[in-house]
Amino acid sequence: MLGKNRSSLWRRTAVVGSSLVLALSLAACGGDSDDGGSGGSDDGLMKSGTLTVGMNLQFKPEMYLDDNGDPAGYDVDLLNALADDMGVKLDIVNLDFDGLIPGLQSKKFDLVSVGLTATDERKQVVDFSREYVPYVSVLAVPEDDEGPFTIDNYNASGNVITALQGSSGEQLAKDTFPEAKIKGFGQQNSALLEVATGRAQGAVLEDYILAQFVASNEGQLKAAELPEPLAIGYGSWAAQKGNSTLVDALDEFLCGAQTDGTLAELYSKNFGVEDFPDMPGGC
């Protein structure tokens, strides 16, 4: 799950929250294996019959702890489907984001599920599956805005476009609307309220974040009906470097889930967004 700022779900290189580590399951972490990341069983898992996954359960609706303290969200639903498909038990290790890749390298878990973007830098230390989660950036505008819904209409001197300060959305706003004034806010809701109260013409953010705001603040904002999204990013699962057996199994599962509609169904359920973005081909 990612770019540079994880206030949005595909931006995850920022330091996350506190240093508290909540281990939902550590028994399955076969970290003493010295097989170079090839896994300890025929299916590439460190422990036969157990899929151990590192996560940071702080990003609702993609991954979080529900009111009962249980893992929930899009990633968790998909991982449960994966475990069922593999015929294994799912164990989740919940810890700070910055500890996930180092934990994967030290073989504390089989894979990391936080929607990581498969950057060249990360590919040097871990292997990646194909993409499993899309992140769509849109322009939020007032509900009564009648357009025209074109980039040129909003990219004008005197217009104000807001975004979460320091996020990739803020940079996207600067790149897309260079003639407008880009105003960053420390809280996402503050950036949206600036638009809702008429002090800005639009806000750049991911569609699912806007959907959550709209659900709680009906009749205030909507996504501008632009010809296409401002940007689409994708997150992948990360596996131990060299564990081609597991990566192949993940790719096969994800291709099936993409083809049969499972990804779209779980995305709609959790993100509250009706239109499932196009995913990379190759299945």
C-alpha atoms as a PDB file:
ATOM      1  CA  MET A   1       0.000   0.000   0.000  1.00  0.00           C
ATOM      2  CA  LEU A   2       2.241   3.131  -1.334  1.00  0.00           C
ATOM      3  CA  GLY A   3       3.721   6.593  -1.922  1.00  0.00           C
ATOM      4  CA  LYS A   4       5.079   9.064   0.567  1.00  0.00           C
ATOM      5  CA  ASN A   5       2.387   9.921   3.116  1.00  0.00           C
ATOM      6  CA  ARG A   6       0.045   7.375   4.626  1.00  0.00           C
ATOM      7  CA  SER A   7      -2.673   9.754   5.595  1.00  0.00           C
ATOM      8  CA  SER A   8      -3.937   8.430   2.347  1.00  0.00           C
ATOM      9  CA  LEU A   9      -3.816   4.742   1.804  1.00  0.00           C
ATOM     10  CA  TRP A  10      -1.132   4.650  -0.806  1.00  0.00           C
ATOM     11  CA  ARG A  11       1.321   6.935   0.935  1.00  0.00           C
ATOM     12  CA  ARG A  12       3.145   5.043   3.615  1.00  0.00           C
ATOM     13  CA  THR A  13       6.715   6.100   4.166  1.00  0.00           C
ATOM     14  CA  ALA A  14       5.857   8.484   6.982  1.00  0.00           C
ATOM     15  CA  VAL A  15       6.407   7.419  10.573  1.00  0.00           C
ATOM     16  CA  VAL A  16       3.183   5.894  11.872  1.00  0.00           C
ATOM     17  CA  GLY A  17       1.647   6.794  15.201  1.00  0.00           C
ATOM     18  CA  SER A  18       3.097   5.524  18.428  1.00  0.00           C
ATOM     19  CA  SER A  19       5.712   2.865  19.023  1.00  0.00           C
ATOM     20  CA  LEU A  20       3.192   0.461  20.535  1.00  0.00           C
ATOM     21  CA  VAL A  21       3.453  -3.047  19.103  1.00  0.00           C
ATOM     22  CA  LEU A  22       0.313  -5.158  19.306  1.00  0.00           C
ATOM     23  CA  ALA A  23       1.107  -8.762  18.357  1.00  0.00           C
ATOM     24  CA  LEU A  24      -2.072 -10.615  17.547  1.00  0.00           C
ATOM     25  CA  SER A  25      -0.027 -13.716  16.818  1.00  0.00           C
ATOM     26  CA  LEU A  26       3.675 -14.285  17.199  1.00  0.00           C
ATOM     27  CA  ALA A  27       3.696 -18.051  17.513  1.00  0.00           C
ATOM     28  CA  ALA A  28       3.796 -18.522  13.751  1.00  0.00           C
ATOM     29  CA  CYS A  29       6.810 -16.300  13.169  1.00  0.00           C
ATOM     30  CA  GLY A  30       9.484 -18.776  12.133  1.00  0.00           C
ATOM     31  CA  GLY A  31      12.214 -16.198  12.100  1.00  0.00           C
ATOM     32  CA  ASP A  32      15.047 -18.639  12.722  1.00  0.00           C
ATOM     33  CA  SER A  33      14.852 -20.120   9.254  1.00  0.00           C
ATOM     34  CA  ASP A  34      18.040 -19.674   7.216  1.00  0.00           C
ATOM     35  CA  ASP A  35      16.660 -20.699   3.851  1.00  0.00           C
ATOM     36  CA  GLY A  36      17.271 -17.280   2.302  1.00  0.00           C
ATOM     37  CA  GLY A  37      13.580 -16.403   2.139  1.00  0.00           C
ATOM     38  CA  SER A  38      12.441 -19.471   0.229  1.00  0.00           C
ATOM     39  CA  GLY A  39       9.934 -20.438   2.942  1.00  0.00           C
ATOM     40  CA  GLY A  40       9.834 -23.521   5.165  1.00  0.00           C
ATOM     41  CA  SER A  41       7.046 -25.475   3.444  1.00  0.00           C
ATOM     42  CA  ASP A  42       5.963 -26.553  -0.022  1.00  0.00           C
ATOM     43  CA  ASP A  43       3.718 -23.484  -0.389  1.00  0.00           C
ATOM     44  CA  GLY A  44       6.498 -21.061   0.566  1.00  0.00           C
ATOM     45  CA  LEU A  45       5.260 -20.459   4.106  1.00  0.00           C
ATOM     46  CA  MET A  46       7.632 -20.416   7.055  1.00  0.00           C
ATOM     47  CA  LYS A  47       5.319 -22.707   8.999  1.00  0.00           C
ATOM     48  CA  SER A  48       3.245 -25.263   7.148  1.00  0.00           C
ATOM     49  CA  GLY A  49      -0.448 -24.583   7.567  1.00  0.00           C
ATOM     50  CA  THR A  50      -0.030 -20.990   8.780  1.00  0.00           C
ATOM     51  CA  LEU A  51       0.084 -17.730   6.830  1.00  0.00           C
ATOM     52  CA  THR A  52       1.678 -15.056   9.016  1.00  0.00           C
ATOM     53  CA  VAL A  53       1.081 -11.480   7.864  1.00  0.00           C
ATOM     54  CA  GLY A  54       2.591  -8.212   9.080  1.00  0.00           C
ATOM     55  CA  MET A  55       0.162  -5.277   9.082  1.00  0.00           C
ATOM     56  CA  ASN A  56      -0.392  -1.826  10.564  1.00  0.00           C
ATOM     57  CA  LEU A  57      -4.059  -1.836  11.575  1.00  0.00           C
ATOM     58  CA  GLN A  58      -4.571   1.917  11.715  1.00  0.00           C
ATOM     59  CA  PHE A  59      -5.950   2.763   8.295  1.00  0.00           C
ATOM     60  CA  LYS A  60      -9.720   2.396   8.154  1.00  0.00           C
ATOM     61  CA  PRO A  61     -11.331   1.192   5.931  1.00  0.00           C
ATOM     62  CA  GLU A  62      -8.400  -0.701   4.421  1.00  0.00           C
ATOM     63  CA  MET A  63      -7.087  -2.235   7.634  1.00  0.00           C
ATOM     64  CA  TYR A  64      -8.020  -1.464  11.213  1.00  0.00           C
ATOM     65  CA  LEU A  65      -9.222  -2.876  14.532  1.00  0.00           C
ATOM     66  CA  ASP A  66     -13.005  -2.941  14.863  1.00  0.00           C
ATOM     67  CA  ASP A  67     -14.982  -2.122  18.018  1.00  0.00           C
ATOM     68  CA  ASN A  68     -14.223  -5.601  19.359  1.00  0.00           C
ATOM     69  CA  GLY A  69     -10.506  -5.194  18.767  1.00  0.00           C
ATOM     70  CA  ASP A  70     -10.500  -7.622  15.851  1.00  0.00           C
ATOM     71  CA  PRO A  71      -8.739  -7.021  12.515  1.00  0.00           C
ATOM     72  CA  ALA A  72     -11.111  -5.713   9.845  1.00  0.00           C
ATOM     73  CA  GLY A  73     -11.130  -3.968   6.477  1.00  0.00           C
ATOM     74  CA  TYR A  74     -10.400  -4.640   2.824  1.00  0.00           C
ATOM     75  CA  ASP A  75      -6.968  -6.188   3.352  1.00  0.00           C
ATOM     76  CA  VAL A  76      -8.222  -8.436   6.159  1.00  0.00           C
ATOM     77  CA  ASP A  77     -11.172  -9.673   4.092  1.00  0.00           C
ATOM     78  CA  LEU A  78      -8.870 -10.412   1.168  1.00  0.00           C
ATOM     79  CA  LEU A  79      -6.315 -12.171   3.369  1.00  0.00           C
ATOM     80  CA  ASN A  80      -9.028 -14.367   4.850  1.00  0.00           C
ATOM     81  CA  ALA A  81     -10.035 -15.324   1.308  1.00  0.00           C
ATOM     82  CA  LEU A  82      -6.381 -16.044   0.501  1.00  0.00           C
ATOM     83  CA  ALA A  83      -5.969 -18.222   3.597  1.00  0.00           C
ATOM     84  CA  ASP A  84      -9.124 -20.153   2.705  1.00  0.00           C
ATOM     85  CA  ASP A  85      -7.845 -20.623  -0.840  1.00  0.00           C
ATOM     86  CA  MET A  86      -4.516 -21.924   0.456  1.00  0.00           C
ATOM     87  CA  GLY A  87      -6.171 -24.050   3.131  1.00  0.00           C
ATOM     88  CA  VAL A  88      -4.160 -22.474   5.935  1.00  0.00           C
ATOM     89  CA  LYS A  89      -4.708 -20.500   9.152  1.00  0.00           C
ATOM     90  CA  LEU A  90      -4.283 -16.716   9.047  1.00  0.00           C
ATOM     91  CA  ASP A  91      -2.189 -15.079  11.782  1.00  0.00           C
ATOM     92  CA  ILE A  92      -1.820 -11.292  11.830  1.00  0.00           C
ATOM     93  CA  VAL A  93       1.023  -9.388  13.486  1.00  0.00           C
ATOM     94  CA  ASN A  94       0.059  -5.748  14.045  1.00  0.00           C
ATOM     95  CA  LEU A  95       2.909  -3.276  14.514  1.00  0.00           C
ATOM     96  CA  ASP A  96       4.157   0.154  13.512  1.00  0.00           C
ATOM     97  CA  PHE A  97       4.574   0.711   9.795  1.00  0.00           C
ATOM     98  CA  ASP A  98       8.305   1.359  10.030  1.00  0.00           C
ATOM     99  CA  GLY A  99       8.844  -2.128  11.457  1.00  0.00           C
ATOM    100  CA  LEU A 100       7.117  -4.034   8.680  1.00  0.00           C
ATOM    101  CA  ILE A 101       9.798  -4.320   6.003  1.00  0.00           C
ATOM    102  CA  PRO A 102      12.580  -4.924   8.560  1.00  0.00           C
ATOM    103  CA  GLY A 103      10.344  -7.564  10.151  1.00  0.00           C
ATOM    104  CA  LEU A 104       9.816  -9.212   6.787  1.00  0.00           C
ATOM    105  CA  GLN A 105      13.552  -9.194   6.162  1.00  0.00           C
ATOM    106  CA  SER A 106      14.176 -10.841   9.533  1.00  0.00           C
ATOM    107  CA  LYS A 107      11.477 -13.437   8.739  1.00  0.00           C
ATOM    108  CA  LYS A 108       8.970 -12.502  11.390  1.00  0.00           C
ATOM    109  CA  PHE A 109       6.162 -13.055   8.882  1.00  0.00           C
ATOM    110  CA  ASP A 110       5.521 -14.468   5.424  1.00  0.00           C
ATOM    111  CA  LEU A 111       4.242 -11.296   3.838  1.00  0.00           C
ATOM    112  CA  VAL A 112       3.354  -7.673   4.529  1.00  0.00           C
ATOM    113  CA  SER A 113      -0.104  -6.367   3.672  1.00  0.00           C
ATOM    114  CA  VAL A 114      -0.289  -2.567   3.849  1.00  0.00           C
ATOM    115  CA  GLY A 115      -0.782  -1.685   0.181  1.00  0.00           C
ATOM    116  CA  LEU A 116       2.876  -0.954  -0.481  1.00  0.00           C
ATOM    117  CA  THR A 117       3.888   0.615  -3.773  1.00  0.00           C
ATOM    118  CA  ALA A 118       6.507  -1.594  -5.407  1.00  0.00           C
ATOM    119  CA  THR A 119       9.248   1.018  -5.676  1.00  0.00           C
ATOM    120  CA  ASP A 120      12.705   0.199  -7.051  1.00  0.00           C
ATOM    121  CA  GLU A 121      14.197   0.887  -3.630  1.00  0.00           C
ATOM    122  CA  ARG A 122      11.881  -1.586  -1.901  1.00  0.00           C
ATOM    123  CA  LYS A 123      12.431  -4.202  -4.605  1.00  0.00           C
ATOM    124  CA  GLN A 124      16.048  -4.384  -3.522  1.00  0.00           C
ATOM    125  CA  VAL A 125      15.096  -5.909  -0.159  1.00  0.00           C
ATOM    126  CA  VAL A 126      11.689  -7.595  -0.674  1.00  0.00           C
ATOM    127  CA  ASP A 127       9.711  -9.175  -3.494  1.00  0.00           C
ATOM    128  CA  PHE A 128       6.247  -8.024  -4.544  1.00  0.00           C
ATOM    129  CA  SER A 129       3.064  -9.667  -5.741  1.00  0.00           C
ATOM    130  CA  ARG A 130       0.946  -8.156  -8.490  1.00  0.00           C
ATOM    131  CA  GLU A 131      -1.279  -5.239  -7.445  1.00  0.00           C
ATOM    132  CA  TYR A 132      -4.287  -5.892  -5.235  1.00  0.00           C
ATOM    133  CA  VAL A 133      -5.621  -2.476  -4.203  1.00  0.00           C
ATOM    134  CA  PRO A 134      -6.153   0.697  -6.248  1.00  0.00           C
ATOM    135  CA  TYR A 135      -6.024   4.255  -4.920  1.00  0.00           C
ATOM    136  CA  VAL A 136      -7.921   6.835  -6.976  1.00  0.00           C
ATOM    137  CA  SER A 137      -7.261  10.548  -6.511  1.00  0.00           C
ATOM    138  CA  VAL A 138     -10.169  12.887  -7.266  1.00  0.00           C
ATOM    139  CA  LEU A 139     -11.111  16.543  -6.992  1.00  0.00           C
ATOM    140  CA  ALA A 140     -13.742  17.234  -4.331  1.00  0.00           C
ATOM    141  CA  VAL A 141     -15.996  20.201  -5.156  1.00  0.00           C
ATOM    142  CA  PRO A 142     -19.129  21.721  -3.589  1.00  0.00           C
ATOM    143  CA  GLU A 143     -22.307  19.713  -4.096  1.00  0.00           C
ATOM    144  CA  ASP A 144     -23.911  22.579  -6.029  1.00  0.00           C
ATOM    145  CA  ASP A 145     -20.931  23.058  -8.365  1.00  0.00           C
ATOM    146  CA  GLU A 146     -22.202  22.744 -11.939  1.00  0.00           C
ATOM    147  CA  GLY A 147     -18.785  22.813 -13.614  1.00  0.00           C
ATOM    148  CA  PRO A 148     -17.673  22.749 -16.326  1.00  0.00           C
ATOM    149  CA  PHE A 149     -15.725  19.785 -14.969  1.00  0.00           C
ATOM    150  CA  THR A 150     -12.414  20.321 -16.695  1.00  0.00           C
ATOM    151  CA  ILE A 151      -8.897  20.780 -15.362  1.00  0.00           C
ATOM    152  CA  ASP A 152      -8.717  24.194 -17.026  1.00  0.00           C
ATOM    153  CA  ASN A 153     -11.797  25.408 -15.155  1.00  0.00           C
ATOM    154  CA  TYR A 154     -10.148  24.828 -11.766  1.00  0.00           C
ATOM    155  CA  ASN A 155      -6.590  25.602 -12.885  1.00  0.00           C
ATOM    156  CA  ALA A 156      -7.114  29.345 -12.826  1.00  0.00           C
ATOM    157  CA  SER A 157      -5.597  32.283 -10.997  1.00  0.00           C
ATOM    158  CA  GLY A 158      -7.751  33.210  -8.024  1.00  0.00           C
ATOM    159  CA  ASN A 159      -8.947  29.650  -7.429  1.00  0.00           C
ATOM    160  CA  VAL A 160      -7.927  27.832  -4.247  1.00  0.00           C
ATOM    161  CA  ILE A 161      -7.313  24.078  -4.218  1.00  0.00           C
ATOM    162  CA  THR A 162      -6.733  22.400  -0.849  1.00  0.00           C
ATOM    163  CA  ALA A 163      -5.005  19.177   0.161  1.00  0.00           C
ATOM    164  CA  LEU A 164      -3.554  17.430   3.174  1.00  0.00           C
ATOM    165  CA  GLN A 165      -0.313  19.203   3.989  1.00  0.00           C
ATOM    166  CA  GLY A 166       2.810  17.223   3.075  1.00  0.00           C
ATOM    167  CA  SER A 167       0.848  14.519   1.280  1.00  0.00           C
ATOM    168  CA  SER A 168       1.261  13.281  -2.266  1.00  0.00           C
ATOM    169  CA  GLY A 169      -2.182  14.782  -2.831  1.00  0.00           C
ATOM    170  CA  GLU A 170      -0.715  18.208  -2.160  1.00  0.00           C
ATOM    171  CA  GLN A 171       2.028  17.610  -4.714  1.00  0.00           C
ATOM    172  CA  LEU A 172      -0.532  16.262  -7.176  1.00  0.00           C
ATOM    173  CA  ALA A 173      -2.569  19.441  -6.691  1.00  0.00           C
ATOM    174  CA  LYS A 174       0.489  21.584  -7.413  1.00  0.00           C
ATOM    175  CA  ASP A 175       1.292  19.596 -10.543  1.00  0.00           C
ATOM    176  CA  THR A 176      -2.287  19.513 -11.837  1.00  0.00           C
ATOM    177  CA  PHE A 177      -3.376  23.048 -10.959  1.00  0.00           C
ATOM    178  CA  PRO A 178      -0.212  25.190 -11.229  1.00  0.00           C
ATOM    179  CA  GLU A 179      -2.151  28.427 -11.826  1.00  0.00           C
ATOM    180  CA  ALA A 180      -4.324  28.033  -8.721  1.00  0.00           C
ATOM    181  CA  LYS A 181      -3.310  28.704  -5.137  1.00  0.00           C
ATOM    182  CA  ILE A 182      -2.605  25.396  -3.366  1.00  0.00           C
ATOM    183  CA  LYS A 183      -3.398  25.491   0.338  1.00  0.00           C
ATOM    184  CA  GLY A 184      -2.247  22.674   2.602  1.00  0.00           C
ATOM    185  CA  PHE A 185      -3.946  21.702   5.866  1.00  0.00           C
ATOM    186  CA  GLY A 186      -2.708  19.571   8.758  1.00  0.00           C
ATOM    187  CA  GLN A 187      -5.990  17.633   8.883  1.00  0.00           C
ATOM    188  CA  GLN A 188      -7.832  16.137   5.921  1.00  0.00           C
ATOM    189  CA  ASN A 189     -11.245  17.284   7.181  1.00  0.00           C
ATOM    190  CA  SER A 190      -9.988  20.855   7.432  1.00  0.00           C
ATOM    191  CA  ALA A 191      -9.028  20.775   3.757  1.00  0.00           C
ATOM    192  CA  LEU A 192     -12.498  19.480   2.869  1.00  0.00           C
ATOM    193  CA  LEU A 193     -14.348  21.956   5.097  1.00  0.00           C
ATOM    194  CA  GLU A 194     -12.546  24.779   3.312  1.00  0.00           C
ATOM    195  CA  VAL A 195     -14.303  23.656   0.131  1.00  0.00           C
ATOM    196  CA  ALA A 196     -17.640  22.955   1.813  1.00  0.00           C
ATOM    197  CA  THR A 197     -17.733  26.483   3.256  1.00  0.00           C
ATOM    198  CA  GLY A 198     -16.893  28.141  -0.079  1.00  0.00           C
ATOM    199  CA  ARG A 199     -13.385  29.305   0.784  1.00  0.00           C
ATOM    200  CA  ALA A 200     -11.842  26.989  -1.822  1.00  0.00           C
ATOM    201  CA  GLN A 201     -12.949  25.657  -5.189  1.00  0.00           C
ATOM    202  CA  GLY A 202     -11.720  22.092  -4.714  1.00  0.00           C
ATOM    203  CA  ALA A 203      -9.682  19.597  -2.713  1.00  0.00           C
ATOM    204  CA  VAL A 204      -7.412  16.811  -3.956  1.00  0.00           C
ATOM    205  CA  LEU A 205      -7.658  13.483  -2.126  1.00  0.00           C
ATOM    206  CA  GLU A 206      -8.486   9.791  -2.582  1.00  0.00           C
ATOM    207  CA  ASP A 207     -12.053   8.898  -3.524  1.00  0.00           C
ATOM    208  CA  TYR A 208     -12.667   6.643  -0.533  1.00  0.00           C
ATOM    209  CA  ILE A 209     -11.708   9.423   1.909  1.00  0.00           C
ATOM    210  CA  LEU A 210     -14.174  11.734   0.158  1.00  0.00           C
ATOM    211  CA  ALA A 211     -16.829   8.987   0.325  1.00  0.00           C
ATOM    212  CA  GLN A 212     -16.410   8.770   4.107  1.00  0.00           C
ATOM    213  CA  PHE A 213     -16.740  12.552   4.440  1.00  0.00           C
ATOM    214  CA  VAL A 214     -19.835  12.640   2.243  1.00  0.00           C
ATOM    215  CA  ALA A 215     -21.448   9.836   4.262  1.00  0.00           C
ATOM    216  CA  SER A 216     -21.118  11.948   7.409  1.00  0.00           C
ATOM    217  CA  ASN A 217     -21.810  15.322   5.762  1.00  0.00           C
ATOM    218  CA  GLU A 218     -24.530  14.813   3.189  1.00  0.00           C
ATOM    219  CA  GLY A 219     -25.181  17.494   0.621  1.00  0.00           C
ATOM    220  CA  GLN A 220     -21.867  19.316   1.042  1.00  0.00           C
ATOM    221  CA  LEU A 221     -19.313  17.845  -1.374  1.00  0.00           C
ATOM    222  CA  LYS A 222     -19.028  15.557  -4.368  1.00  0.00           C
ATOM    223  CA  ALA A 223     -16.339  14.352  -6.748  1.00  0.00           C
ATOM    224  CA  ALA A 224     -15.957  16.558  -9.811  1.00  0.00           C
ATOM    225  CA  GLU A 225     -17.030  14.601 -12.889  1.00  0.00           C
ATOM    226  CA  LEU A 226     -13.714  15.003 -14.672  1.00  0.00           C
ATOM    227  CA  PRO A 227     -13.057  12.909 -17.788  1.00  0.00           C
ATOM    228  CA  GLU A 228     -10.675  10.727 -15.747  1.00  0.00           C
ATOM    229  CA  PRO A 229      -9.269  10.517 -12.202  1.00  0.00           C
ATOM    230  CA  LEU A 230      -6.450  12.858 -11.292  1.00  0.00           C
ATOM    231  CA  ALA A 231      -4.268   9.819 -10.611  1.00  0.00           C
ATOM    232  CA  ILE A 232      -4.503   6.092  -9.911  1.00  0.00           C
ATOM    233  CA  GLY A 233      -1.963   4.265  -7.751  1.00  0.00           C
ATOM    234  CA  TYR A 234      -1.742   0.615  -6.722  1.00  0.00           C
ATOM    235  CA  GLY A 235      -0.590  -1.349  -3.692  1.00  0.00           C
ATOM    236  CA  SER A 236       0.957  -4.828  -3.639  1.00  0.00           C
ATOM    237  CA  TRP A 237       1.764  -7.514  -1.091  1.00  0.00           C
ATOM    238  CA  ALA A 238       5.429  -7.804  -0.096  1.00  0.00           C
ATOM    239  CA  ALA A 239       7.108 -11.175   0.502  1.00  0.00           C
ATOM    240  CA  GLN A 240      10.533 -12.237   1.694  1.00  0.00           C
ATOM    241  CA  LYS A 241      13.220 -11.666  -0.925  1.00  0.00           C
ATOM    242  CA  GLY A 242      13.664 -14.764  -3.063  1.00  0.00           C
ATOM    243  CA  ASN A 243      10.437 -16.480  -2.018  1.00  0.00           C
ATOM    244  CA  SER A 244       9.207 -17.034  -5.568  1.00  0.00           C
ATOM    245  CA  THR A 245       7.014 -19.955  -4.477  1.00  0.00           C
ATOM    246  CA  LEU A 246       4.840 -17.735  -2.308  1.00  0.00           C
ATOM    247  CA  VAL A 247       4.863 -14.816  -4.765  1.00  0.00           C
ATOM    248  CA  ASP A 248       3.668 -17.122  -7.549  1.00  0.00           C
ATOM    249  CA  ALA A 249       0.863 -18.386  -5.295  1.00  0.00           C
ATOM    250  CA  LEU A 250      -0.131 -14.816  -4.410  1.00  0.00           C
ATOM    251  CA  ASP A 251      -0.174 -13.769  -8.059  1.00  0.00           C
ATOM    252  CA  GLU A 252      -2.315 -16.743  -9.029  1.00  0.00           C
ATOM    253  CA  PHE A 253      -4.805 -15.978  -6.259  1.00  0.00           C
ATOM    254  CA  LEU A 254      -4.957 -12.265  -7.065  1.00  0.00           C
ATOM    255  CA  CYS A 255      -5.482 -12.907 -10.758  1.00  0.00           C
ATOM    256  CA  GLY A 256      -8.400 -15.157  -9.889  1.00  0.00           C
ATOM    257  CA  ALA A 257      -9.825 -12.621  -7.446  1.00  0.00           C
ATOM    258  CA  GLN A 258      -9.507  -9.861 -10.031  1.00  0.00           C
ATOM    259  CA  THR A 259     -11.123 -11.940 -12.777  1.00  0.00           C
ATOM    260  CA  ASP A 260     -14.036 -13.318 -10.743  1.00  0.00           C
ATOM    261  CA  GLY A 261     -14.937  -9.969  -9.191  1.00  0.00           C
ATOM    262  CA  THR A 262     -13.758 -10.655  -5.640  1.00  0.00           C
ATOM    263  CA  LEU A 263     -11.499  -7.594  -5.569  1.00  0.00           C
ATOM    264  CA  ALA A 264     -14.280  -5.334  -6.821  1.00  0.00           C
ATOM    265  CA  GLU A 265     -16.779  -6.777  -4.338  1.00  0.00           C
ATOM    266  CA  LEU A 266     -14.507  -6.358  -1.319  1.00  0.00           C
ATOM    267  CA  TYR A 267     -13.425  -2.897  -2.466  1.00  0.00           C
ATOM    268  CA  SER A 268     -17.025  -1.728  -2.751  1.00  0.00           C
ATOM    269  CA  LYS A 269     -17.912  -3.267   0.616  1.00  0.00           C
ATOM    270  CA  ASN A 270     -15.087  -1.633   2.526  1.00  0.00           C
ATOM    271  CA  PHE A 271     -14.350   1.603   0.700  1.00  0.00           C
ATOM    272  CA  GLY A 272     -17.939   2.591  -0.037  1.00  0.00           C
ATOM    273  CA  VAL A 273     -17.017   3.441  -3.635  1.00  0.00           C
ATOM    274  CA  GLU A 274     -19.254   2.028  -6.361  1.00  0.00           C
ATOM    275  CA  ASP A 275     -16.850   2.160  -9.314  1.00  0.00           C
ATOM    276  CA  PHE A 276     -13.909  -0.229  -9.038  1.00  0.00           C
ATOM    277  CA  PRO A 277     -10.898   1.292 -10.826  1.00  0.00           C
ATOM    278  CA  ASP A 278      -9.249  -0.546 -13.680  1.00  0.00           C
ATOM    279  CA  MET A 279      -6.525  -2.891 -12.469  1.00  0.00           C
ATOM    280  CA  PRO A 280      -3.315  -3.790 -14.318  1.00  0.00           C
ATOM    281  CA  GLY A 281      -3.768  -6.591 -16.839  1.00  0.00           C
ATOM    282  CA  GLY A 282      -1.708  -9.700 -17.372  1.00  0.00           C
ATOM    283  CA  CYS A 283      -4.044 -12.310 -15.860  1.00  0.00           C
END
